[in-house]
Amino acid sequence: MTDHLAQAHALLAAHPIVDGHNDLPWALREQVRYDLDRLDIGTDQSARTHTDIPRLRKGGVGAQFWSVFVRSDFGGDTAVSATLEQIDVVRRLTERYSDDFRLSLSADDMETARAEGRIASLMGAEGGHSINCSLATLRALYDLGVRYMTLTHNDNTPWADSATDEPRAHGLTRFGEEVVHEMNRLGMLVDLSHVSPDTMRDALRASEAPVVFSHSSARAVCDHPRNIPDDVLAALPANGGVAMATFVPKFVLPEAVAWAKAADENMRAHGLHPLELTDAAKKVQHAFEEARPRPLATAATVADHIDHMREVAGVDHIGIGGDFDGTPFTPSGLDDVAGYPNLIAELLDRRWSETELAKLTWQNAVRVLRDAEEAARGLRALRGPSIATIDQLDGNPEA
């Protein structure tokens, strides 16, 4: 492993990590209300977050999709405003730390950042509630730099079913398909993490461009609804998409599923939302963990998922999306963003070649964004912006 760890560091220097999902913007909202002077990620913040620049560098990260997530119980224009605040803090981060970050809006920008020795900073909106059923709002998010949108978060939207809510649309509604088509026309990646299997299948049928799963693992390895069924993984090559394996213990380790459910129930019993990242929430989480030690996932646990995803989808259709700062608990060895070399060393132990690992870490993610951009150029030549409304497509046909 020691030799492979050195080899992993060397590989990441040439082919750095593109991570599909990091919730640092939400942590900044929860902990310091976006006051970057109070949480300076230019210095070690390991006591407070999973993410800072020194650890991103140590982990070999070359590009990061920052999640501009807002909770799905934020409704209507409140969700839109909060999403704009999240976008604002990412843009302020890239300006404040411009020696280390480069705001990136395209695959070419990602390659330029790598050549400059900077970390490409992209944005993904986590949950279709962020557009409040408005295609014009979707276009505005794209213009502000958002390059993927997860169709749902933990709750259904009026036009798409979530993996963790009761089925209502049984996939995508007509307006949901229109959202996918407009995302394709813009060049915004359709992200299928968090959505139900029926929504995954509907989106794969509807999409005219490759899709992504920004932070999901294999359901055959850990039977959690947030993971990807094998039939969907098997459909990715025909679509050209990429599934980015996540590290969240309750999604990757079967023994952790029941434990995490109990931890969430404990948070609610204390009047806290399970996704809260305040100091008070962390104290409750850690007290629960001390009283009831959690089953430990490891880098090997995550590697089991990646091995399976490669077997079913193929090495050209997999990537990494850790979900750091979006989960209170992380696997041993993948404790924070400095840990990626441990995962790469584990895969080297399993006889992955450097060519295969370069696809996993960098090439597949850059390619999928480039392919979405190419599809958008063709689609924009065929049609203009959609002005359809949810009432027209899913409600009153006379509207």
Protein backbone atom coordinates (compact mmCIF):
# COMPACT_ATOMS: atom_id res chain seq x y z
CA MET A 1 0.00 0.00 0.00
CA THR A 2 2.90 2.38 0.79
CA ASP A 3 4.28 2.04 -2.73
CA HIS A 4 0.81 2.41 -4.16
CA LEU A 5 0.16 5.54 -2.11
CA ALA A 6 3.24 7.19 -3.61
CA GLN A 7 2.07 6.03 -7.04
CA ALA A 8 -1.40 7.46 -6.33
CA HIS A 9 0.05 10.88 -5.53
CA ALA A 10 2.09 10.81 -8.75
CA LEU A 11 -0.96 9.80 -10.79
CA LEU A 12 -3.09 12.59 -9.31
CA ALA A 13 -0.40 15.14 -10.13
CA ALA A 14 -0.94 14.25 -13.80
CA HIS A 15 -4.65 13.36 -13.71
CA PRO A 16 -6.21 15.16 -10.75
CA ILE A 17 -9.57 14.46 -9.18
CA VAL A 18 -12.72 15.98 -10.62
CA ASP A 19 -15.12 15.73 -7.69
CA GLY A 20 -18.78 15.94 -8.66
CA HIS A 21 -20.21 17.22 -5.39
CA ASN A 22 -19.02 19.23 -2.39
CA ASP A 23 -21.34 21.09 0.00
CA LEU A 24 -18.87 23.64 1.38
CA PRO A 25 -21.18 26.54 0.33
CA TRP A 26 -23.93 25.17 2.58
CA ALA A 27 -21.46 24.75 5.45
CA LEU A 28 -20.45 28.40 5.00
CA ARG A 29 -24.12 29.40 5.15
CA GLU A 30 -24.82 27.32 8.25
CA GLN A 31 -21.67 28.12 10.20
CA VAL A 32 -20.75 31.72 9.38
CA ARG A 33 -23.60 33.12 7.26
CA TYR A 34 -21.20 33.50 4.32
CA ASP A 35 -18.68 35.62 6.25
CA LEU A 36 -15.48 34.38 4.64
CA ASP A 37 -13.34 36.23 7.16
CA ARG A 38 -14.74 33.99 9.90
CA LEU A 39 -13.92 30.75 8.07
CA ASP A 40 -10.80 31.21 5.98
CA ILE A 41 -10.45 28.15 3.76
CA GLY A 42 -7.01 29.34 2.73
CA THR A 43 -5.89 27.83 6.04
CA ASP A 44 -6.48 24.47 7.70
CA GLN A 45 -10.11 24.26 8.85
CA SER A 46 -10.13 20.57 9.75
CA ALA A 47 -11.82 21.28 13.09
CA ARG A 48 -14.81 22.80 11.27
CA THR A 49 -15.13 21.49 7.71
CA HIS A 50 -14.07 18.65 5.43
CA THR A 51 -12.75 21.16 2.90
CA ASP A 52 -10.07 23.82 2.66
CA ILE A 53 -7.44 24.72 0.10
CA PRO A 54 -4.45 23.03 1.80
CA ARG A 55 -6.36 19.73 1.98
CA LEU A 56 -7.70 20.07 -1.58
CA ARG A 57 -4.09 20.39 -2.70
CA LYS A 58 -2.98 17.45 -0.55
CA GLY A 59 -5.82 15.34 -1.96
CA GLY A 60 -4.91 15.98 -5.58
CA VAL A 61 -8.15 17.77 -6.50
CA GLY A 62 -8.02 19.51 -9.86
CA ALA A 63 -11.68 20.39 -10.32
CA GLN A 64 -14.60 20.73 -7.94
CA PHE A 65 -18.30 20.98 -8.64
CA TRP A 66 -19.46 23.09 -5.69
CA SER A 67 -23.05 22.27 -4.79
CA VAL A 68 -25.20 25.40 -4.58
CA PHE A 69 -27.66 23.31 -2.59
CA VAL A 70 -30.62 24.58 -0.60
CA ARG A 71 -32.85 22.32 1.48
CA SER A 72 -35.94 21.00 -0.28
CA ASP A 73 -38.18 22.31 2.47
CA PHE A 74 -37.24 25.77 1.17
CA GLY A 75 -40.10 26.43 -1.23
CA GLY A 76 -40.94 28.83 -4.03
CA ASP A 77 -39.02 32.06 -4.34
CA THR A 78 -37.30 31.39 -1.00
CA ALA A 79 -35.49 28.48 -2.65
CA VAL A 80 -34.55 30.63 -5.64
CA SER A 81 -33.16 33.44 -3.43
CA ALA A 82 -31.20 30.98 -1.28
CA THR A 83 -29.75 29.37 -4.42
CA LEU A 84 -28.61 32.79 -5.62
CA GLU A 85 -26.90 33.34 -2.27
CA GLN A 86 -25.12 30.01 -2.68
CA ILE A 87 -23.97 30.96 -6.19
CA ASP A 88 -22.76 34.29 -4.83
CA VAL A 89 -20.55 32.69 -2.20
CA VAL A 90 -18.93 30.35 -4.74
CA ARG A 91 -18.14 33.30 -6.98
CA ARG A 92 -16.73 35.21 -3.98
CA LEU A 93 -14.60 32.21 -3.04
CA THR A 94 -13.11 32.02 -6.53
CA GLU A 95 -12.34 35.75 -6.46
CA ARG A 96 -10.90 35.72 -2.94
CA TYR A 97 -8.68 32.69 -3.60
CA SER A 98 -7.92 33.35 -7.25
CA ASP A 99 -4.37 31.99 -6.98
CA ASP A 100 -5.90 28.58 -6.20
CA PHE A 101 -9.36 28.60 -7.84
CA ARG A 102 -10.49 29.36 -11.37
CA LEU A 103 -14.21 29.86 -12.02
CA SER A 104 -14.88 27.38 -14.82
CA LEU A 105 -17.87 27.37 -17.15
CA SER A 106 -16.75 24.81 -19.71
CA ALA A 107 -14.59 21.77 -20.30
CA ASP A 108 -11.98 24.04 -21.89
CA ASP A 109 -11.95 26.14 -18.71
CA MET A 110 -11.28 22.98 -16.70
CA GLU A 111 -8.29 22.13 -18.85
CA THR A 112 -7.02 25.71 -18.64
CA ALA A 113 -7.25 25.64 -14.84
CA ARG A 114 -5.28 22.41 -14.73
CA ALA A 115 -2.59 23.87 -17.01
CA GLU A 116 -2.37 26.90 -14.70
CA GLY A 117 -2.08 24.74 -11.59
CA ARG A 118 -5.39 26.02 -10.25
CA ILE A 119 -8.50 24.13 -9.15
CA ALA A 120 -11.35 24.45 -11.63
CA SER A 121 -14.42 25.63 -9.72
CA LEU A 122 -17.78 24.70 -11.21
CA MET A 123 -21.29 24.84 -9.76
CA GLY A 124 -24.16 22.38 -9.57
CA ALA A 125 -27.65 23.18 -8.28
CA GLU A 126 -28.91 20.36 -6.05
CA GLY A 127 -32.64 20.03 -6.51
CA GLY A 128 -35.17 21.19 -9.08
CA HIS A 129 -36.99 23.16 -6.37
CA SER A 130 -34.27 25.78 -6.97
CA ILE A 131 -35.98 26.93 -10.18
CA ASN A 132 -39.53 27.13 -8.74
CA CYS A 133 -41.04 25.54 -11.89
CA SER A 134 -39.63 28.32 -14.09
CA LEU A 135 -37.58 27.64 -17.21
CA ALA A 136 -36.52 31.29 -17.27
CA THR A 137 -35.06 30.81 -13.78
CA LEU A 138 -33.26 27.71 -15.06
CA ARG A 139 -31.69 29.81 -17.83
CA ALA A 140 -30.70 32.48 -15.31
CA LEU A 141 -28.89 29.88 -13.20
CA TYR A 142 -27.04 28.72 -16.29
CA ASP A 143 -26.04 32.30 -17.11
CA LEU A 144 -24.67 32.64 -13.55
CA GLY A 145 -22.47 29.59 -14.06
CA VAL A 146 -24.49 26.56 -12.92
CA ARG A 147 -23.45 23.59 -15.04
CA TYR A 148 -25.60 20.80 -13.64
CA MET A 149 -28.91 20.58 -11.84
CA THR A 150 -30.03 17.61 -9.77
CA LEU A 151 -33.68 17.12 -10.74
CA THR A 152 -34.80 16.58 -7.13
CA HIS A 153 -33.33 16.54 -3.66
CA ASN A 154 -34.87 14.47 -0.85
CA ASP A 155 -38.46 15.55 -1.68
CA ASN A 156 -40.40 15.36 -4.92
CA THR A 157 -40.71 18.41 -7.11
CA PRO A 158 -44.09 18.97 -8.81
CA TRP A 159 -42.56 17.48 -11.97
CA ALA A 160 -40.17 14.72 -10.82
CA ASP A 161 -40.06 12.01 -8.16
CA SER A 162 -37.31 11.80 -5.57
CA ALA A 163 -35.71 8.54 -4.43
CA THR A 164 -36.66 9.31 -0.83
CA ASP A 165 -40.27 10.50 -1.17
CA GLU A 166 -43.54 8.76 -1.96
CA PRO A 167 -44.00 8.33 -5.75
CA ARG A 168 -46.35 10.86 -7.25
CA ALA A 169 -45.44 11.39 -10.90
CA HIS A 170 -43.89 7.89 -11.22
CA GLY A 171 -40.95 9.48 -13.00
CA LEU A 172 -41.05 12.72 -14.96
CA THR A 173 -44.17 14.67 -15.89
CA ARG A 174 -44.43 16.40 -19.28
CA PHE A 175 -43.03 19.55 -17.71
CA GLY A 176 -40.22 17.47 -16.22
CA GLU A 177 -39.31 16.28 -19.70
CA GLU A 178 -39.37 19.91 -20.85
CA VAL A 179 -36.93 20.80 -18.05
CA VAL A 180 -34.59 18.05 -19.29
CA HIS A 181 -34.88 19.26 -22.89
CA GLU A 182 -34.15 22.85 -21.89
CA MET A 183 -31.14 21.76 -19.85
CA ASN A 184 -29.90 19.86 -22.90
CA ARG A 185 -30.36 22.96 -25.07
CA LEU A 186 -28.40 25.08 -22.60
CA GLY A 187 -25.56 22.61 -22.09
CA MET A 188 -26.43 22.08 -18.41
CA LEU A 189 -25.85 18.50 -17.30
CA VAL A 190 -28.92 16.60 -16.09
CA ASP A 191 -27.96 15.21 -12.67
CA LEU A 192 -29.84 12.07 -11.61
CA SER A 193 -28.54 11.67 -8.07
CA HIS A 194 -31.39 11.84 -5.54
CA VAL A 195 -34.09 10.91 -8.06
CA SER A 196 -36.20 7.76 -8.10
CA PRO A 197 -35.33 4.90 -10.46
CA ASP A 198 -38.40 5.75 -12.57
CA THR A 199 -37.19 9.34 -12.86
CA MET A 200 -33.73 8.07 -13.82
CA ARG A 201 -35.21 5.92 -16.58
CA ASP A 202 -37.52 8.66 -17.85
CA ALA A 203 -34.67 11.16 -17.93
CA LEU A 204 -32.40 8.76 -19.81
CA ARG A 205 -35.14 8.28 -22.40
CA ALA A 206 -35.84 12.01 -22.68
CA SER A 207 -32.31 13.38 -22.61
CA GLU A 208 -30.64 14.43 -25.83
CA ALA A 209 -27.25 14.72 -24.11
CA PRO A 210 -25.20 12.72 -21.60
CA VAL A 211 -26.37 12.78 -17.98
CA VAL A 212 -24.45 12.56 -14.70
CA PHE A 213 -24.98 11.15 -11.25
CA SER A 214 -22.97 13.68 -9.24
CA HIS A 215 -22.85 11.63 -6.01
CA SER A 216 -24.44 8.16 -6.09
CA SER A 217 -23.11 4.65 -5.66
CA ALA A 218 -24.27 1.14 -6.62
CA ARG A 219 -27.57 -0.19 -5.30
CA ALA A 220 -26.49 -3.79 -5.91
CA VAL A 221 -23.67 -3.29 -3.38
CA CYS A 222 -25.68 -1.29 -0.82
CA ASP A 223 -29.47 -1.38 -1.13
CA HIS A 224 -30.19 2.26 -0.36
CA PRO A 225 -32.72 4.22 -2.47
CA ARG A 226 -30.10 6.93 -3.13
CA ASN A 227 -28.02 4.48 -5.15
CA ILE A 228 -28.20 3.49 -8.82
CA PRO A 229 -29.85 0.22 -9.93
CA ASP A 230 -27.87 -1.98 -12.30
CA ASP A 231 -30.27 -1.56 -15.23
CA VAL A 232 -29.68 2.21 -15.07
CA LEU A 233 -25.91 1.77 -14.84
CA ALA A 234 -26.08 -0.54 -17.83
CA ALA A 235 -27.93 2.15 -19.82
CA LEU A 236 -25.21 4.77 -19.29
CA PRO A 237 -22.91 3.75 -22.17
CA ALA A 238 -25.65 4.33 -24.76
CA ASN A 239 -26.32 7.76 -23.23
CA GLY A 240 -22.65 8.65 -22.77
CA GLY A 241 -23.18 9.65 -19.14
CA VAL A 242 -21.04 9.32 -16.02
CA ALA A 243 -21.93 7.94 -12.56
CA MET A 244 -19.81 9.49 -9.80
CA ALA A 245 -19.45 7.27 -6.75
CA THR A 246 -20.12 8.89 -3.40
CA PHE A 247 -18.49 8.27 -0.02
CA VAL A 248 -21.48 8.80 2.34
CA PRO A 249 -21.32 5.82 4.74
CA LYS A 250 -25.09 5.22 4.83
CA PHE A 251 -25.07 4.96 1.02
CA VAL A 252 -22.07 2.63 0.72
CA LEU A 253 -22.11 0.37 3.80
CA PRO A 254 -25.22 -1.78 4.38
CA GLU A 255 -24.57 -1.93 8.12
CA ALA A 256 -24.63 1.88 8.30
CA VAL A 257 -28.13 2.30 6.83
CA ALA A 258 -30.08 1.55 10.02
CA TRP A 259 -27.55 3.41 12.18
CA ALA A 260 -27.87 6.57 10.05
CA LYS A 261 -31.67 6.39 10.20
CA ALA A 262 -31.49 6.31 13.98
CA ALA A 263 -29.03 9.23 13.97
CA ASP A 264 -31.44 11.28 11.82
CA GLU A 265 -34.32 10.45 14.16
CA ASN A 266 -32.17 11.59 17.10
CA MET A 267 -31.55 14.92 15.35
CA ARG A 268 -35.28 15.44 14.85
CA ALA A 269 -35.92 14.53 18.49
CA HIS A 270 -33.63 17.46 19.39
CA GLY A 271 -35.60 19.79 17.11
CA LEU A 272 -32.88 19.78 14.45
CA HIS A 273 -32.99 19.04 10.73
CA PRO A 274 -30.71 16.07 9.83
CA LEU A 275 -28.89 18.27 7.28
CA GLU A 276 -28.04 21.04 9.74
CA LEU A 277 -24.32 21.77 10.02
CA THR A 278 -24.36 24.23 12.92
CA ASP A 279 -22.11 23.70 15.94
CA ALA A 280 -25.16 22.68 17.97
CA ALA A 281 -26.15 20.08 15.39
CA LYS A 282 -22.61 18.68 15.29
CA LYS A 283 -22.59 18.28 19.06
CA VAL A 284 -25.82 16.28 18.90
CA GLN A 285 -24.43 14.09 16.11
CA HIS A 286 -21.17 13.39 17.88
CA ALA A 287 -22.85 12.67 21.20
CA PHE A 288 -25.05 10.10 19.46
CA GLU A 289 -21.98 8.54 17.82
CA GLU A 290 -20.17 8.28 21.18
CA ALA A 291 -23.17 6.59 22.78
CA ARG A 292 -23.77 4.28 19.84
CA PRO A 293 -20.57 3.71 17.79
CA ARG A 294 -21.28 3.66 14.09
CA PRO A 295 -20.28 0.94 11.62
CA LEU A 296 -17.17 2.16 9.82
CA ALA A 297 -16.93 2.38 6.05
CA THR A 298 -13.43 2.55 4.56
CA ALA A 299 -11.78 3.38 1.26
CA ALA A 300 -12.16 -0.32 0.43
CA THR A 301 -15.94 -0.03 0.93
CA VAL A 302 -16.08 2.77 -1.65
CA ALA A 303 -13.76 0.84 -3.97
CA ASP A 304 -16.23 -2.07 -3.91
CA HIS A 305 -18.85 0.26 -5.38
CA ILE A 306 -16.47 1.65 -7.99
CA ASP A 307 -15.45 -1.87 -9.02
CA HIS A 308 -19.10 -2.82 -9.47
CA MET A 309 -19.94 0.37 -11.36
CA ARG A 310 -17.02 -0.24 -13.72
CA GLU A 311 -18.19 -3.83 -14.28
CA VAL A 312 -21.75 -2.78 -15.17
CA ALA A 313 -21.34 0.64 -16.82
CA GLY A 314 -17.77 0.43 -18.09
CA VAL A 315 -14.66 2.37 -17.16
CA ASP A 316 -15.60 5.26 -19.48
CA HIS A 317 -18.74 6.03 -17.47
CA ILE A 318 -17.63 6.35 -13.85
CA GLY A 319 -16.25 9.13 -11.68
CA ILE A 320 -16.06 10.40 -8.09
CA GLY A 321 -18.44 12.62 -6.11
CA GLY A 322 -17.51 12.52 -2.44
CA ASP A 323 -20.27 14.72 -0.92
CA PHE A 324 -17.84 16.23 1.57
CA ASP A 325 -19.38 18.82 3.90
CA GLY A 326 -22.77 17.39 2.97
CA THR A 327 -22.59 14.53 5.46
CA PRO A 328 -21.67 14.51 9.15
CA PHE A 329 -19.84 11.19 8.83
CA THR A 330 -17.21 9.97 6.38
CA PRO A 331 -15.34 6.70 5.77
CA SER A 332 -12.08 5.92 7.51
CA GLY A 333 -9.29 6.98 5.15
CA LEU A 334 -11.65 9.30 3.30
CA ASP A 335 -12.15 11.60 6.25
CA ASP A 336 -11.92 14.78 4.19
CA VAL A 337 -10.78 16.10 0.80
CA ALA A 338 -7.17 15.13 1.53
CA GLY A 339 -8.12 11.46 1.39
CA TYR A 340 -8.53 10.79 -2.34
CA PRO A 341 -5.01 9.30 -2.70
CA ASN A 342 -6.04 6.54 -0.28
CA LEU A 343 -8.88 5.55 -2.61
CA ILE A 344 -6.62 5.61 -5.67
CA ALA A 345 -4.04 3.50 -3.79
CA GLU A 346 -6.79 0.99 -2.94
CA LEU A 347 -7.73 0.75 -6.61
CA LEU A 348 -4.09 0.32 -7.59
CA ASP A 349 -3.98 -2.56 -5.09
CA ARG A 350 -6.88 -4.02 -7.07
CA ARG A 351 -4.81 -3.84 -10.27
CA TRP A 352 -6.49 -0.84 -11.86
CA SER A 353 -4.20 0.54 -14.53
CA GLU A 354 -3.09 4.17 -14.64
CA THR A 355 -5.02 4.56 -17.90
CA GLU A 356 -8.23 3.39 -16.20
CA LEU A 357 -7.63 5.59 -13.18
CA ALA A 358 -7.03 8.66 -15.34
CA LYS A 359 -10.51 8.16 -16.78
CA LEU A 360 -12.02 7.81 -13.31
CA THR A 361 -10.29 10.87 -11.86
CA TRP A 362 -10.25 13.43 -14.68
CA GLN A 363 -11.03 12.39 -18.22
CA ASN A 364 -14.59 11.06 -17.94
CA ALA A 365 -15.91 14.13 -16.13
CA VAL A 366 -14.30 16.56 -18.55
CA ARG A 367 -15.56 14.55 -21.50
CA VAL A 368 -19.16 14.43 -20.29
CA LEU A 369 -19.29 18.22 -19.92
CA ARG A 370 -17.69 18.67 -23.33
CA ASP A 371 -20.21 16.28 -24.90
CA ALA A 372 -23.09 18.20 -23.26
CA GLU A 373 -21.69 21.42 -24.69
CA GLU A 374 -21.47 19.87 -28.17
CA ALA A 375 -25.05 18.59 -27.94
CA ALA A 376 -26.21 22.06 -26.88
CA ARG A 377 -24.64 23.69 -29.93
CA GLY A 378 -26.67 21.42 -32.17
CA LEU A 379 -29.89 21.84 -30.21
CA ARG A 380 -29.65 25.64 -30.10
CA ALA A 381 -29.48 25.62 -33.88
CA LEU A 382 -32.79 23.72 -33.93
CA ARG A 383 -34.84 25.49 -31.26
CA GLY A 384 -34.98 28.56 -29.09
CA PRO A 385 -35.63 28.95 -25.37
CA SER A 386 -38.74 27.17 -24.11
CA ILE A 387 -41.45 29.37 -22.58
CA ALA A 388 -43.64 26.43 -21.56
CA THR A 389 -45.17 26.47 -18.09
CA ILE A 390 -46.05 23.64 -15.75
CA ASP A 391 -49.73 24.63 -15.96
CA GLN A 392 -49.66 24.33 -19.74
CA LEU A 393 -47.98 20.93 -19.77
CA ASP A 394 -49.19 19.27 -16.57
CA GLY A 395 -52.24 21.25 -15.54
CA ASN A 396 -54.92 23.19 -17.38
CA PRO A 397 -54.38 22.53 -21.11
CA GLU A 398 -56.18 25.79 -21.87
CA ALA A 399 -53.66 27.89 -19.87
